Amino acid sequence: MYQAPIQPEACPALVLNADFRPLSYYPLSLWSWQDTIKAVFSERVNIVSEYDTVIHSPSAEFRLPSVVSLKTYVKPSRTPAFTRFNVFLRDKFMCQYCGAPDDLTFDHVIPRSKGGHTTWDNVVAACSPCNLTKGGDMPKVAKMFPAQWPKMPTVHQLHQNGRLFPPNYLHQSWMDYLYWDAELDP
């Protein structure tokens, strides 16, 4: 049976630190095939594993790397970055007002119009309907209180929550470097 070749665009590379741990789990540290090839030729990474997919230049052909490791160790951050994704991950991808998992936005518990800031301690995941209902009101006025009052998570807490939400795509060559492999069916 003929099997069509996998297109390079479908071949991201898992990027490991020099200690062979992913640079990031959330989101998973992946590079496009183009960025990976540039890093290989600039000698910033070692190739750990390759796809069967081959790309061609006028004078050579190369198998695309599926896993690369940095040659220089990058010290991981001790505090998680404040990003929309990390807020959703902290709140387990659920609206903190009604528990819905869909149409998530983030809500300022103390609205910006009332002096609230865009920080870990004031932002929660909220579905669009709840966010619109609460609007610019204080929780007491809106009679809407988050299930969990917002606070800065630790990197460990984000990792714990992240185990509940493995990425949609995990290539077999990545499994030795990720902890989701024990929880996924082969």
Protein backbone atom coordinates (compact mmCIF):
# COMPACT_ATOMS: atom_id res chain seq x y z
CA MET A 1 0.00 0.00 0.00
CA TYR A 2 1.34 3.43 -0.98
CA GLN A 3 1.92 5.84 1.89
CA ALA A 4 2.24 9.50 0.97
CA PRO A 5 5.37 11.18 2.34
CA ILE A 6 4.88 13.41 5.37
CA GLN A 7 5.20 17.08 4.51
CA PRO A 8 7.96 19.01 6.33
CA GLU A 9 5.33 21.34 7.87
CA ALA A 10 4.04 18.34 9.84
CA CYS A 11 7.48 17.68 11.34
CA PRO A 12 8.15 19.98 14.30
CA ALA A 13 11.18 19.22 16.44
CA LEU A 14 11.02 18.81 20.20
CA VAL A 15 13.64 21.12 21.71
CA LEU A 16 15.47 19.86 24.77
CA ASN A 17 17.75 21.80 27.05
CA ALA A 18 21.35 20.61 27.38
CA ASP A 19 20.18 18.38 30.27
CA PHE A 20 17.74 16.60 27.88
CA ARG A 21 14.62 18.08 29.48
CA PRO A 22 12.17 20.03 27.31
CA LEU A 23 12.79 23.77 27.40
CA SER A 24 9.10 24.18 28.14
CA TYR A 25 6.12 21.93 28.70
CA TYR A 26 3.50 24.69 28.49
CA PRO A 27 3.48 25.25 25.66
CA LEU A 28 5.66 22.36 24.61
CA SER A 29 8.98 23.58 23.22
CA LEU A 30 8.69 22.87 19.51
CA TRP A 31 10.48 24.45 16.56
CA SER A 32 9.41 24.43 12.93
CA TRP A 33 11.51 22.33 10.60
CA GLN A 34 13.03 25.53 9.14
CA ASP A 35 14.12 26.88 12.54
CA THR A 36 15.48 23.45 13.46
CA ILE A 37 17.57 23.19 10.29
CA LYS A 38 18.96 26.70 10.87
CA ALA A 39 19.94 25.74 14.43
CA VAL A 40 21.61 22.54 13.18
CA PHE A 41 23.67 24.39 10.56
CA SER A 42 24.62 27.15 13.01
CA GLU A 43 25.78 24.37 15.37
CA ARG A 44 23.57 25.49 18.28
CA VAL A 45 21.94 22.05 18.72
CA ASN A 46 22.69 18.34 18.57
CA ILE A 47 20.34 16.05 16.66
CA VAL A 48 18.96 13.41 19.02
CA SER A 49 16.38 11.76 16.76
CA GLU A 50 15.13 12.12 13.17
CA TYR A 51 11.95 11.68 11.18
CA ASP A 52 11.88 9.52 8.06
CA THR A 53 10.98 12.69 6.14
CA VAL A 54 13.74 14.01 3.90
CA ILE A 55 14.24 17.49 2.48
CA HIS A 56 16.45 18.25 -0.49
CA SER A 57 18.77 21.08 -1.44
CA PRO A 58 20.33 21.33 -4.90
CA SER A 59 23.33 19.30 -3.74
CA ALA A 60 22.24 17.28 -0.67
CA GLU A 61 19.40 15.68 1.20
CA PHE A 62 18.69 15.81 4.95
CA ARG A 63 16.44 13.85 7.26
CA LEU A 64 14.43 16.24 9.40
CA PRO A 65 15.29 16.19 13.11
CA SER A 66 12.43 15.19 15.43
CA VAL A 67 14.34 15.85 18.67
CA VAL A 68 17.22 18.27 19.20
CA SER A 69 19.13 19.30 22.31
CA LEU A 70 20.74 22.65 22.91
CA LYS A 71 24.52 22.62 23.20
CA THR A 72 24.41 25.30 25.91
CA TYR A 73 22.26 24.93 29.02
CA VAL A 74 19.52 27.54 29.47
CA LYS A 75 18.55 28.07 33.10
CA PRO A 76 14.77 27.60 33.44
CA SER A 77 12.72 30.37 34.98
CA ARG A 78 11.62 29.84 38.58
CA THR A 79 8.44 31.84 38.08
CA PRO A 80 5.92 31.13 35.33
CA ALA A 81 5.34 33.74 32.67
CA PHE A 82 2.02 35.56 32.88
CA THR A 83 0.36 34.53 29.62
CA ARG A 84 -3.21 33.84 28.58
CA PHE A 85 -2.35 30.15 28.14
CA ASN A 86 -0.80 29.91 31.62
CA VAL A 87 -3.85 31.60 33.20
CA PHE A 88 -6.07 29.02 31.47
CA LEU A 89 -3.73 26.23 32.58
CA ARG A 90 -3.73 27.47 36.20
CA ASP A 91 -7.55 27.52 36.07
CA LYS A 92 -7.64 24.08 34.39
CA PHE A 93 -9.26 25.46 31.23
CA MET A 94 -12.53 26.14 33.06
CA CYS A 95 -14.54 29.30 33.58
CA GLN A 96 -14.02 30.28 37.19
CA TYR A 97 -17.62 31.52 37.43
CA CYS A 98 -19.68 28.70 35.90
CA GLY A 99 -17.19 25.90 35.16
CA ALA A 100 -17.69 25.90 31.37
CA PRO A 101 -14.68 24.72 29.33
CA ASP A 102 -15.56 26.55 26.10
CA ASP A 103 -15.18 30.04 24.66
CA LEU A 104 -12.65 31.09 27.33
CA THR A 105 -11.45 34.65 27.77
CA PHE A 106 -9.81 36.17 30.77
CA ASP A 107 -11.57 38.39 33.24
CA HIS A 108 -10.19 41.04 35.56
CA VAL A 109 -11.82 40.19 38.92
CA ILE A 110 -11.37 43.83 39.94
CA PRO A 111 -12.10 45.55 36.61
CA ARG A 112 -9.40 47.73 35.10
CA SER A 113 -11.91 50.59 35.12
CA LYS A 114 -11.98 50.24 38.93
CA GLY A 115 -8.18 50.14 39.32
CA GLY A 116 -7.60 46.42 38.75
CA HIS A 117 -4.37 45.31 37.09
CA THR A 118 -3.53 42.59 34.59
CA THR A 119 -1.66 40.34 37.02
CA TRP A 120 -1.78 36.78 38.31
CA ASP A 121 -3.62 38.04 41.40
CA ASN A 122 -6.46 39.69 39.47
CA VAL A 123 -7.13 37.65 36.30
CA VAL A 124 -9.15 34.45 35.97
CA ALA A 125 -10.34 32.31 33.08
CA ALA A 126 -13.96 33.16 32.23
CA CYS A 127 -16.25 32.04 29.44
CA SER A 128 -17.49 34.84 27.17
CA PRO A 129 -21.08 34.78 28.53
CA CYS A 130 -19.88 35.12 32.16
CA ASN A 131 -17.34 37.78 31.22
CA LEU A 132 -20.04 39.78 29.42
CA THR A 133 -22.49 39.33 32.31
CA LYS A 134 -19.93 40.52 34.88
CA GLY A 135 -18.77 43.31 32.60
CA GLY A 136 -17.06 46.14 34.48
CA ASP A 137 -18.73 45.36 37.80
CA MET A 138 -17.02 44.39 41.02
CA PRO A 139 -17.69 40.77 42.08
CA LYS A 140 -20.01 41.86 44.91
CA VAL A 141 -22.13 44.06 42.60
CA ALA A 142 -22.32 41.39 39.88
CA LYS A 143 -22.84 38.66 42.51
CA MET A 144 -20.20 36.66 40.66
CA PHE A 145 -17.24 35.26 42.55
CA PRO A 146 -14.48 33.06 41.09
CA ALA A 147 -14.39 29.44 42.26
CA GLN A 148 -10.70 29.95 43.06
CA TRP A 149 -9.42 33.40 43.94
CA PRO A 150 -6.57 34.16 41.52
CA LYS A 151 -2.94 33.93 42.60
CA MET A 152 0.41 33.31 40.97
CA PRO A 153 0.97 29.58 40.50
CA THR A 154 4.30 27.88 40.92
CA VAL A 155 5.96 26.20 37.95
CA HIS A 156 5.26 22.91 39.73
CA GLN A 157 1.52 23.68 39.95
CA LEU A 158 1.40 24.44 36.22
CA HIS A 159 3.21 21.17 35.50
CA GLN A 160 0.71 19.28 37.69
CA ASN A 161 -2.24 20.88 35.88
CA GLY A 162 -0.57 20.34 32.52
CA ARG A 163 -0.51 16.59 33.06
CA LEU A 164 -4.29 16.74 32.75
CA PHE A 165 -3.99 18.27 29.26
CA PRO A 166 -1.36 16.52 27.12
CA PRO A 167 -0.69 18.08 23.72
CA ASN A 168 -2.79 16.89 20.79
CA TYR A 169 0.26 15.68 18.91
CA LEU A 170 3.13 13.71 20.41
CA HIS A 171 5.58 12.05 18.04
CA GLN A 172 6.84 8.63 19.15
CA SER A 173 10.48 9.86 19.18
CA TRP A 174 9.57 12.42 21.87
CA MET A 175 8.22 9.91 24.38
CA ASP A 176 11.49 9.28 26.23
CA TYR A 177 11.65 13.00 27.09
CA LEU A 178 8.05 13.63 28.15
CA TYR A 179 6.00 12.29 31.02
CA TRP A 180 2.72 12.02 29.10
CA ASP A 181 3.86 8.79 27.45
CA ALA A 182 2.89 6.66 30.48
CA GLU A 183 -0.63 8.09 30.35
CA LEU A 184 -1.29 7.74 26.61
CA ASP A 185 -2.36 4.67 24.70
CA PRO A 186 0.16 3.60 22.05
